[in-house]
Structure formats: C-alpha cells, structure tokens
Amino acid sequence: MGLIGAGKFGSMFLSQVPTSKGLKVSVITDIDVDRAKQRCRDVGWSEERIASTRFMDNAYAMCEEAAIDVVVEATGDPVIGVLHADAAIKAGLHIVMVNVEADVLAGALMARKAKAAGVVYSMAYGDQPALICELVEWAQACGFDVVAAGKGTKYLASYHSSTPDTVWEHYGLTPNQAAKGGMNSKMFNSFLDGTKSALEMAAVANATYLTPAPDGLTFPPVGVDKLANVLRPKKDGGCLHHKGQVEVVSSLERDGSPVSRDLRWGVYVVIEAPNDYTASCFNEYGMNTDETGRYSAMYKPFHLIGLEVNISILSAAINNKPTGSNLGFVSDVVATAKRNLKAGEILDGEGGYTVYGKIMPSEQSLEIGGLPIGLSDGVRLNVPVLAGQHLCWSHVDMDETSIALELRREMEKICTPVKAA
C-alpha cells in the first residue's frame, strides 16, 4: 500500500508495519521526504526497511506509477484530500480516508465514483467515525433500533471561540511544551473548538443515515453509566431531538468539573429494545438501561487511531469491503464566525482564528447556501459577519478555478440530500 502524509496518524500506522503480516508499505508520500524518513526512524523502522521503501513528494505520481493496492490518505487537508481521493479512484486503487475533512466536503461524490470504478472508498478504522459505524452496523444487524450514536470529547461552550493562541491552556500545556512535542496548534484547536466533532459526526451521518439535530450538536455531559438515560428522546425524559440522531457527549459538566466515568476517548451507540422480551433480556444479562428497561447502550472506551488502520487496509484489499463508507449527502459542516468579522478579512479555516464548523442537515445547508468549513481557508470575506453567524457562499470570494470547489458543486448537484428527521 501507499501512505500519503507521515504526520501523527501516519506515524502511528507506520509503527505497526514491522509486526503486521501480509501488509507492505511500498511508498510513503509527504511534502517533506526527509522528515518522513525521520518519522520512520522515530517509530522504530530499521535503516534496511527505510532503504527498501520508496519515498515521494507527489501523491498523484504515486497513484499513477506505484505498484500498490491501497492508498491511505492521512494529510488532514480537505482540498488536497479530495484531489488525492479522486486520483486514487481514477487509478483503480482502493482509498482509505483518514481525512474526514475531505470526506465531509465531497465524500458522497467520491464514494459514488469509487463504486463505479469497482474500488473501495473507506473510513479509517481506529478513528472514531469508523468505530461508531461498526457499533451502528452491529446494532442494526442484531435487529435493535438505533436511537443515538456518537463519541465523547472534552467540551465547554466557551471552547467555540478558542484560537491557536489559547488552545494549549485548555490542554494544560505551555506553547513551548507543545512545540517540543511537535503538536500543531491549529489541528489541536479544531478538536477543542467543536469543528472536529462536527466533522466526525457529519461523516457518521453520511455513512449511516442517522441525522443531526437541526441546531447542531449539544454536547450533553454524561458518563457511560447514564448514556441510555440521557441519549433518548425528550418525550421520554432524554435530550434528543429525535430518534436516530448523531450526538457528542462531553467529559466535562457545564461548570467545568469532570463527568463521572466519562467517555472522552470512546464511542457509543444507544439502542432500544423492539419488544418486551428483548427488554427482559437486557435486564437478565446485566446491561445498563434507563428506568423503563427499554433503552440501553454499548460503548467502546478507547480508540487507537493509526494503530488500528490495518483493519481498513486489509478489509479493502482482501474482502473488498469498507470499514464504513459515505452513503449519501445527509449532513454538512458549515463555517461559523468565532467573532465579529470585517469585510476584507481572510478566513483561516478549521482550527484557526476566524471560524469553527457547525453540523447541520444537508438540506438546511443547501437552503442557506452554507460555506463548507473545508473550503473556508484562505478565502476573503466580502461582507461583515457577526459572531455566531453561519457563513454562506455569497459572503466570500471563491477561487473559481479550484478543482475541489468544482467537485463539491458536482456533489451538491447530483447527490440528493437525505431529509433529516
């Protein structure tokens, strides 16, 4: 297989390669080849293994030239990621998209193209979206009604305005400590300000036909023992807008205190018993339920990110099956102002100083002409925008020569939005 991007995720994957049977990394592509080689050394690769691996700085050339079966796209750049996926599919290669940003931007189109080409377009196992999809598939295959599915994170409402200058105080680090650890402030800020949560839940929605609430994620503070009590419809005493909803739970109470037995690193699915007999089995086998006994939850407390992506690679190459894949344009993530913005300002995209991403049903995004967070980096505002306001195509000057923009518009045109509940 070939890897695009030897960053944190790529490094975690590479650390497993020497002990992975039946899998060979033939090519590693990165904009900094020397850095990529050093990352291999850092994770324990021998000089012999490094010498036998091809290193390139052009992913398009890799797709066209290299003798590989599967491409793993791990750059995290939505614009470049869409183009890499398109190139891999055109070359007849399976593509594993670590790049959730690109998947949300135009994944419905990429999955359609992959199917037509007879290749697999897959989420990356180890990242939370693929693990959530696995739980949803388990529940549906067993005949349970899926009430909610999602993940945990650290959240307070004030985090939406966090910037790369303020991010490290929330992680208990100094800027110097973060720099020593090679941590990217913009990337880490996207986890904190809610953008990454919105993107990951949009990816899950697009892969499962579960839908977000009209007003976006609410991040209820809840631990694993109370998932079934809280993540049920409001009419039943819970917090959900509707059954079949994606939602993220917070590991912090609203006052900042820790949630007991939080799910910060994990994923969950809340299920409903379809009949009284099944509900009685929940009780007999010790499942945590709400007071009615009909709602219960399954969860996985941790995810191992790049250490687990072999599952996706081998599933694509051997079984011709994705570990979760975009099924349709169900949900979108729209750029939202972090502060009052002036006409003429240049937006800086995910994790930056100007905008964060908010999830919404795709039909709502199309109705308002929402600007995807994945295309909000480096574009100029032509009107002032208030803090908390959704940005629209009409608010910015887009580069009309952008191929990523062209692919996004193609997706909006041919991939019919799935109506939310």
Protein backbone atom coordinates (compact mmCIF):
# COMPACT_ATOMS: atom_id res chain seq x y z
CA MET A 1 0.00 0.00 0.00
CA GLY A 2 0.92 3.66 -0.23
CA LEU A 3 0.66 6.24 2.55
CA ILE A 4 0.02 9.94 1.90
CA GLY A 5 1.06 12.04 4.89
CA ALA A 6 3.56 10.96 7.55
CA GLY A 7 2.14 13.07 10.38
CA LYS A 8 0.83 11.81 13.72
CA PHE A 9 -1.73 9.37 12.29
CA GLY A 10 0.71 8.18 9.64
CA SER A 11 3.44 7.68 12.24
CA MET A 12 1.16 5.60 14.44
CA PHE A 13 0.32 3.40 11.46
CA LEU A 14 3.97 3.09 10.44
CA SER A 15 4.92 1.96 13.94
CA GLN A 16 2.77 -1.17 13.43
CA VAL A 17 4.08 -2.06 9.98
CA PRO A 18 7.13 -4.13 11.04
CA THR A 19 4.88 -6.51 13.00
CA SER A 20 1.98 -6.58 10.51
CA LYS A 21 1.73 -9.77 8.44
CA GLY A 22 0.50 -9.62 4.86
CA LEU A 23 0.92 -5.87 4.52
CA LYS A 24 3.74 -3.96 2.88
CA VAL A 25 4.21 -0.21 2.71
CA SER A 26 5.72 0.21 -0.73
CA VAL A 27 5.54 4.00 -0.93
CA ILE A 28 5.35 6.90 1.53
CA THR A 29 4.44 10.29 0.10
CA ASP A 30 4.99 13.50 2.05
CA ILE A 31 5.80 17.10 1.15
CA ASP A 32 8.96 16.70 3.25
CA VAL A 33 10.62 13.40 2.31
CA ASP A 34 13.48 13.77 4.79
CA ARG A 35 11.03 14.38 7.61
CA ALA A 36 9.03 11.30 6.56
CA LYS A 37 12.18 9.16 6.69
CA GLN A 38 12.97 10.51 10.15
CA ARG A 39 9.43 9.70 11.31
CA CYS A 40 10.07 6.11 10.23
CA ARG A 41 13.25 6.04 12.31
CA ASP A 42 11.40 7.59 15.25
CA VAL A 43 8.82 4.78 15.28
CA GLY A 44 11.41 2.02 15.10
CA TRP A 45 11.97 1.29 11.42
CA SER A 46 15.36 -0.19 10.54
CA GLU A 47 17.57 1.53 8.01
CA GLU A 48 17.17 -1.54 5.81
CA ARG A 49 13.37 -1.16 5.78
CA ILE A 50 13.65 2.57 5.07
CA ALA A 51 16.07 1.90 2.20
CA SER A 52 13.68 -0.65 0.66
CA THR A 53 10.73 1.78 0.76
CA ARG A 54 10.11 4.35 -1.94
CA PHE A 55 9.66 7.93 -0.69
CA MET A 56 7.96 10.50 -2.92
CA ASP A 57 6.73 14.08 -2.66
CA ASN A 58 3.98 13.77 -5.29
CA ALA A 59 0.87 11.76 -4.37
CA TYR A 60 -0.60 11.99 -7.86
CA ALA A 61 2.55 10.42 -9.33
CA MET A 62 2.36 7.71 -6.67
CA CYS A 63 -1.19 6.80 -7.71
CA GLU A 64 -0.20 6.65 -11.37
CA GLU A 65 3.19 4.93 -11.09
CA ALA A 66 3.44 2.80 -7.97
CA ALA A 67 2.53 -0.90 -7.84
CA ILE A 68 0.13 -0.67 -4.91
CA ASP A 69 -3.36 -1.90 -4.00
CA VAL A 70 -4.50 0.57 -1.35
CA VAL A 71 -3.89 4.26 -0.66
CA VAL A 72 -4.23 5.74 2.84
CA GLU A 73 -4.92 9.49 2.72
CA ALA A 74 -3.77 10.99 6.03
CA THR A 75 -3.00 14.64 5.24
CA GLY A 76 -5.95 16.24 7.04
CA ASP A 77 -6.21 18.86 4.27
CA PRO A 78 -9.76 18.84 2.84
CA VAL A 79 -8.91 20.41 -0.52
CA ILE A 80 -5.86 18.26 -1.21
CA GLY A 81 -7.57 15.19 0.26
CA VAL A 82 -10.46 15.33 -2.20
CA LEU A 83 -8.00 15.56 -5.09
CA HIS A 84 -5.95 12.65 -3.76
CA ALA A 85 -9.08 10.50 -3.40
CA ASP A 86 -10.12 11.38 -6.93
CA ALA A 87 -6.65 10.47 -8.26
CA ALA A 88 -6.58 7.13 -6.42
CA ILE A 89 -10.02 6.17 -7.69
CA LYS A 90 -9.13 7.10 -11.27
CA ALA A 91 -6.03 4.90 -10.93
CA GLY A 92 -8.17 1.94 -9.81
CA LEU A 93 -6.88 1.93 -6.23
CA HIS A 94 -8.77 1.36 -3.00
CA ILE A 95 -8.73 4.51 -0.84
CA VAL A 96 -8.84 4.66 2.97
CA MET A 97 -9.78 8.20 4.03
CA VAL A 98 -8.26 9.18 7.34
CA ASN A 99 -9.07 12.67 6.05
CA VAL A 100 -12.56 13.19 7.50
CA GLU A 101 -12.43 16.83 6.39
CA ALA A 102 -12.28 15.76 2.75
CA ASP A 103 -14.90 13.06 3.27
CA VAL A 104 -17.42 15.58 4.59
CA LEU A 105 -16.56 18.07 1.85
CA ALA A 106 -17.25 15.74 -1.09
CA GLY A 107 -17.31 12.14 0.16
CA ALA A 108 -20.71 11.29 -1.27
CA LEU A 109 -19.35 12.01 -4.74
CA MET A 110 -16.07 10.18 -4.10
CA ALA A 111 -17.91 7.08 -2.86
CA ARG A 112 -20.10 7.14 -5.95
CA LYS A 113 -17.04 7.41 -8.20
CA ALA A 114 -15.31 4.58 -6.33
CA LYS A 115 -18.30 2.28 -6.74
CA ALA A 116 -18.40 2.99 -10.47
CA ALA A 117 -14.67 2.22 -10.68
CA GLY A 118 -15.02 -1.03 -8.73
CA VAL A 119 -12.82 0.07 -5.83
CA VAL A 120 -13.41 0.59 -2.11
CA TYR A 121 -13.81 4.05 -0.57
CA SER A 122 -13.48 3.57 3.18
CA MET A 123 -13.35 5.31 6.51
CA ALA A 124 -10.23 4.65 8.57
CA TYR A 125 -10.68 2.09 11.33
CA GLY A 126 -9.17 3.42 14.55
CA ASP A 127 -10.62 6.86 14.03
CA GLN A 128 -13.87 7.34 15.91
CA PRO A 129 -16.24 7.61 12.90
CA ALA A 130 -15.42 4.12 11.63
CA LEU A 131 -15.74 2.67 15.14
CA ILE A 132 -19.13 4.35 15.57
CA CYS A 133 -20.26 2.92 12.22
CA GLU A 134 -19.19 -0.52 13.41
CA LEU A 135 -21.40 -0.18 16.51
CA VAL A 136 -24.33 1.06 14.40
CA GLU A 137 -23.94 -1.85 11.98
CA TRP A 138 -23.78 -4.26 14.92
CA ALA A 139 -26.98 -2.84 16.39
CA GLN A 140 -28.89 -2.82 13.12
CA ALA A 141 -27.74 -6.31 12.17
CA CYS A 142 -28.99 -7.58 15.55
CA GLY A 143 -32.40 -6.00 14.99
CA PHE A 144 -32.12 -3.21 17.56
CA ASP A 145 -33.49 0.27 16.91
CA VAL A 146 -30.60 2.76 16.87
CA VAL A 147 -31.59 5.75 18.99
CA ALA A 148 -28.30 7.66 19.01
CA ALA A 149 -24.65 7.17 18.16
CA GLY A 150 -21.54 9.23 18.61
CA LYS A 151 -18.41 9.78 20.63
CA GLY A 152 -17.04 11.58 23.65
CA THR A 153 -14.93 14.72 23.85
CA LYS A 154 -13.87 17.48 26.21
CA TYR A 155 -16.34 20.34 25.74
CA LEU A 156 -17.44 23.66 27.18
CA ALA A 157 -19.43 26.28 25.26
CA SER A 158 -16.57 28.77 25.59
CA TYR A 159 -14.33 26.48 23.53
CA HIS A 160 -16.06 27.55 20.30
CA SER A 161 -14.11 30.81 20.43
CA SER A 162 -10.77 29.14 21.17
CA THR A 163 -7.86 30.04 18.88
CA PRO A 164 -4.37 28.61 18.28
CA ASP A 165 -3.14 31.19 20.84
CA THR A 166 -5.41 29.94 23.62
CA VAL A 167 -5.62 26.23 22.85
CA TRP A 168 -2.75 24.96 24.98
CA GLU A 169 -4.07 26.33 28.28
CA HIS A 170 -7.10 24.06 27.84
CA TYR A 171 -4.80 21.05 27.41
CA GLY A 172 -2.68 22.01 30.43
CA LEU A 173 0.38 22.67 28.27
CA THR A 174 2.60 25.65 27.59
CA PRO A 175 3.29 26.66 23.98
CA ASN A 176 6.90 25.53 24.46
CA GLN A 177 5.85 22.10 25.69
CA ALA A 178 3.51 21.73 22.73
CA ALA A 179 6.23 22.78 20.29
CA LYS A 180 8.65 20.24 21.80
CA GLY A 181 6.05 17.52 21.28
CA GLY A 182 5.61 18.52 17.64
CA MET A 183 1.96 19.40 18.24
CA ASN A 184 0.13 21.51 15.67
CA SER A 185 -1.84 24.24 17.45
CA LYS A 186 -4.39 24.63 14.64
CA MET A 187 -5.09 20.91 14.47
CA PHE A 188 -5.47 20.55 18.23
CA ASN A 189 -7.66 23.64 18.31
CA SER A 190 -10.05 22.05 15.82
CA PHE A 191 -10.67 19.28 18.37
CA LEU A 192 -11.32 21.85 21.08
CA ASP A 193 -13.50 24.40 19.26
CA GLY A 194 -16.05 21.80 18.15
CA THR A 195 -15.08 21.63 14.47
CA LYS A 196 -13.62 18.13 14.56
CA SER A 197 -16.63 16.83 16.48
CA ALA A 198 -18.95 18.34 13.87
CA LEU A 199 -16.92 16.83 11.02
CA GLU A 200 -16.77 13.39 12.58
CA MET A 201 -20.49 13.31 13.32
CA ALA A 202 -21.26 14.50 9.79
CA ALA A 203 -19.13 11.66 8.46
CA VAL A 204 -21.07 9.19 10.64
CA ALA A 205 -24.39 10.64 9.50
CA ASN A 206 -23.35 10.34 5.86
CA ALA A 207 -22.31 6.71 6.41
CA THR A 208 -25.34 5.54 8.43
CA TYR A 209 -28.30 7.79 7.52
CA LEU A 210 -28.52 8.86 11.15
CA THR A 211 -29.12 12.60 11.25
CA PRO A 212 -28.06 15.61 13.36
CA ALA A 213 -30.45 17.81 15.29
CA PRO A 214 -31.45 20.96 13.36
CA ASP A 215 -29.50 23.20 15.76
CA GLY A 216 -26.35 21.08 15.73
CA LEU A 217 -24.54 19.21 18.48
CA THR A 218 -25.47 19.92 22.10
CA PHE A 219 -22.61 18.03 23.85
CA PRO A 220 -24.61 16.76 26.87
CA PRO A 221 -22.36 15.94 29.85
CA VAL A 222 -22.85 12.25 30.56
CA GLY A 223 -20.81 9.23 31.59
CA VAL A 224 -21.08 5.68 30.32
CA ASP A 225 -23.48 4.52 33.02
CA LYS A 226 -26.12 7.12 32.07
CA LEU A 227 -25.92 7.05 28.27
CA ALA A 228 -29.30 5.32 27.95
CA ASN A 229 -30.94 7.77 30.36
CA VAL A 230 -29.72 10.94 28.67
CA LEU A 231 -29.47 9.97 25.00
CA ARG A 232 -33.12 9.17 24.42
CA PRO A 233 -35.85 11.43 23.00
CA LYS A 234 -37.03 14.42 25.01
CA LYS A 235 -40.54 12.98 25.21
CA ASP A 236 -39.05 10.06 27.14
CA GLY A 237 -37.03 12.25 29.50
CA GLY A 238 -33.82 12.49 27.48
CA CYS A 239 -32.11 15.22 25.47
CA LEU A 240 -32.54 14.07 21.87
CA HIS A 241 -34.42 16.00 19.21
CA HIS A 242 -35.32 12.71 17.51
CA LYS A 243 -34.53 9.03 17.39
CA GLY A 244 -31.69 8.11 15.06
CA GLN A 245 -29.53 11.09 15.97
CA VAL A 246 -25.77 11.67 15.99
CA GLU A 247 -24.53 13.39 19.14
CA VAL A 248 -21.28 14.02 21.03
CA VAL A 249 -21.12 13.71 24.82
CA SER A 250 -18.91 15.89 26.99
CA SER A 251 -16.44 14.69 29.61
CA LEU A 252 -16.99 17.96 31.49
CA GLU A 253 -20.02 19.20 33.37
CA ARG A 254 -21.15 22.69 32.38
CA ASP A 255 -19.30 24.12 35.40
CA GLY A 256 -16.06 22.53 34.20
CA SER A 257 -15.98 19.71 36.74
CA PRO A 258 -15.27 16.18 35.45
CA VAL A 259 -18.07 13.83 34.47
CA SER A 260 -18.01 10.55 36.36
CA ARG A 261 -16.86 7.64 34.17
CA ASP A 262 -16.63 9.86 31.12
CA LEU A 263 -16.33 8.65 27.51
CA ARG A 264 -13.80 11.28 26.35
CA TRP A 265 -11.77 8.82 24.25
CA GLY A 266 -14.54 6.45 23.25
CA VAL A 267 -17.61 5.84 21.11
CA TYR A 268 -21.14 4.65 21.82
CA VAL A 269 -24.49 3.56 20.41
CA VAL A 270 -27.80 3.78 22.28
CA ILE A 271 -30.32 1.11 21.32
CA GLU A 272 -33.98 0.44 22.04
CA ALA A 273 -35.46 -2.98 22.62
CA PRO A 274 -38.01 -3.72 19.87
CA ASN A 275 -40.22 -5.79 22.21
CA ASP A 276 -40.80 -6.71 25.86
CA TYR A 277 -38.88 -9.99 25.61
CA THR A 278 -35.74 -8.23 24.37
CA ALA A 279 -36.07 -5.67 27.16
CA SER A 280 -36.23 -8.50 29.71
CA CYS A 281 -33.02 -9.92 28.21
CA PHE A 282 -31.30 -6.55 28.73
CA ASN A 283 -32.07 -6.96 32.43
CA GLU A 284 -31.14 -10.63 32.62
CA TYR A 285 -27.71 -10.05 31.09
CA GLY A 286 -26.77 -7.03 33.17
CA MET A 287 -26.98 -4.24 30.61
CA ASN A 288 -27.21 -0.67 31.82
CA THR A 289 -30.66 0.64 30.95
CA ASP A 290 -32.88 3.61 31.64
CA GLU A 291 -35.67 3.25 34.19
CA THR A 292 -38.05 1.79 31.57
CA GLY A 293 -35.60 -1.02 30.81
CA ARG A 294 -36.08 -0.48 27.07
CA TYR A 295 -33.14 1.82 26.30
CA SER A 296 -29.59 0.56 26.67
CA ALA A 297 -26.13 1.38 25.35
CA MET A 298 -22.99 -0.29 24.09
CA TYR A 299 -19.72 1.58 24.04
CA LYS A 300 -16.01 1.28 23.39
CA PRO A 301 -13.98 3.32 25.90
CA PHE A 302 -10.92 3.97 23.74
CA HIS A 303 -9.80 4.32 20.14
CA LEU A 304 -6.24 3.76 18.96
CA ILE A 305 -6.26 5.94 15.84
CA GLY A 306 -3.45 4.97 13.43
CA LEU A 307 -2.56 1.82 15.38
CA GLU A 308 -5.79 0.23 14.10
CA VAL A 309 -5.98 1.33 10.46
CA ASN A 310 -4.63 -2.02 9.23
CA ILE A 311 -8.19 -3.30 9.63
CA SER A 312 -9.36 -0.92 6.89
CA ILE A 313 -6.44 -1.64 4.58
CA LEU A 314 -6.82 -5.41 4.79
CA SER A 315 -10.62 -5.24 4.59
CA ALA A 316 -10.40 -3.24 1.36
CA ALA A 317 -7.65 -5.33 -0.25
CA ILE A 318 -8.82 -8.80 0.81
CA ASN A 319 -12.58 -8.54 1.36
CA ASN A 320 -13.32 -5.65 -1.00
CA LYS A 321 -15.29 -4.10 1.86
CA PRO A 322 -15.04 -0.70 3.56
CA THR A 323 -14.98 -0.15 7.32
CA GLY A 324 -17.70 2.45 6.98
CA SER A 325 -18.28 4.48 3.85
CA ASN A 326 -20.18 7.58 2.76
CA LEU A 327 -23.64 6.52 1.57
CA GLY A 328 -25.12 9.93 0.78
CA PHE A 329 -25.26 13.66 1.43
CA VAL A 330 -27.03 13.54 4.80
CA SER A 331 -25.13 16.13 6.81
CA ASP A 332 -22.79 19.08 6.26
CA VAL A 333 -20.44 21.22 8.34
CA VAL A 334 -20.77 24.96 7.75
CA ALA A 335 -18.21 27.63 8.67
CA THR A 336 -19.45 29.78 11.59
CA ALA A 337 -17.89 33.04 12.79
CA LYS A 338 -15.91 32.85 16.05
CA ARG A 339 -16.05 36.63 16.45
CA ASN A 340 -17.34 39.66 14.59
CA LEU A 341 -15.56 39.59 11.23
CA LYS A 342 -14.98 42.53 8.92
CA ALA A 343 -15.33 42.70 5.16
CA GLY A 344 -11.94 42.11 3.61
CA GLU A 345 -10.71 39.68 6.27
CA ILE A 346 -9.16 36.41 5.10
CA LEU A 347 -10.64 33.31 6.72
CA ASP A 348 -8.21 30.70 8.01
CA GLY A 349 -10.35 27.57 8.08
CA GLU A 350 -10.52 24.68 10.53
CA GLY A 351 -8.96 25.28 13.94
CA GLY A 352 -8.00 28.87 13.19
CA TYR A 353 -8.79 32.33 14.49
CA THR A 354 -11.88 33.20 12.44
CA VAL A 355 -14.34 30.29 12.10
CA TYR A 356 -15.39 26.96 13.56
CA GLY A 357 -17.50 24.25 11.96
CA LYS A 358 -21.13 23.58 12.88
CA ILE A 359 -23.00 20.47 11.79
CA MET A 360 -26.41 20.74 10.13
CA PRO A 361 -28.65 18.61 7.90
CA SER A 362 -27.54 18.82 4.28
CA GLU A 363 -30.88 20.16 3.09
CA GLN A 364 -30.54 23.03 5.59
CA SER A 365 -27.00 23.75 4.41
CA LEU A 366 -28.10 23.88 0.79
CA GLU A 367 -31.10 26.06 1.67
CA ILE A 368 -28.92 28.76 3.25
CA GLY A 369 -26.06 28.33 0.78
CA GLY A 370 -23.72 27.39 3.62
CA LEU A 371 -19.96 27.67 3.12
CA PRO A 372 -18.37 24.28 3.91
CA ILE A 373 -15.70 24.51 6.60
CA GLY A 374 -13.42 22.56 4.24
CA LEU A 375 -13.37 25.44 1.75
CA SER A 376 -13.06 28.26 4.29
CA ASP A 377 -9.27 28.53 4.43
CA GLY A 378 -7.69 31.44 2.56
CA VAL A 379 -10.92 32.96 1.21
CA ARG A 380 -11.78 36.64 1.52
CA LEU A 381 -14.95 37.95 3.18
CA ASN A 382 -16.83 40.48 1.07
CA VAL A 383 -19.30 41.46 3.83
CA PRO A 384 -19.12 41.85 7.61
CA VAL A 385 -20.31 38.83 9.60
CA LEU A 386 -21.40 38.70 13.25
CA ALA A 387 -20.05 36.22 15.80
CA GLY A 388 -22.07 33.01 15.70
CA GLN A 389 -23.39 33.64 12.19
CA HIS A 390 -23.21 30.93 9.54
CA LEU A 391 -21.13 31.90 6.53
CA CYS A 392 -22.58 31.49 3.06
CA TRP A 393 -21.14 31.25 -0.44
CA SER A 394 -22.35 34.80 -1.05
CA HIS A 395 -20.23 36.11 1.86
CA VAL A 396 -16.88 35.14 0.30
CA ASP A 397 -14.89 35.42 -2.90
CA MET A 398 -14.11 31.89 -4.03
CA ASP A 399 -11.35 30.78 -6.37
CA GLU A 400 -13.45 29.63 -9.31
CA THR A 401 -10.51 27.66 -10.74
CA SER A 402 -10.41 25.33 -7.70
CA ILE A 403 -10.93 21.68 -8.66
CA ALA A 404 -12.04 20.91 -5.09
CA LEU A 405 -14.74 23.58 -5.44
CA GLU A 406 -15.78 22.04 -8.75
CA LEU A 407 -16.07 18.58 -7.13
CA ARG A 408 -18.06 20.00 -4.21
CA ARG A 409 -20.52 21.68 -6.57
CA GLU A 410 -20.82 18.46 -8.55
CA MET A 411 -21.68 16.62 -5.34
CA GLU A 412 -24.31 19.19 -4.38
CA LYS A 413 -25.84 18.86 -7.83
CA ILE A 414 -26.01 15.07 -8.21
CA CYS A 415 -26.14 13.73 -4.64
CA THR A 416 -29.69 14.32 -3.44
CA PRO A 417 -29.77 15.41 0.21
CA VAL A 418 -31.29 12.91 2.63
CA LYS A 419 -34.06 14.56 4.63
CA ALA A 420 -33.46 14.82 8.35
CA ALA A 421 -35.97 13.50 10.90
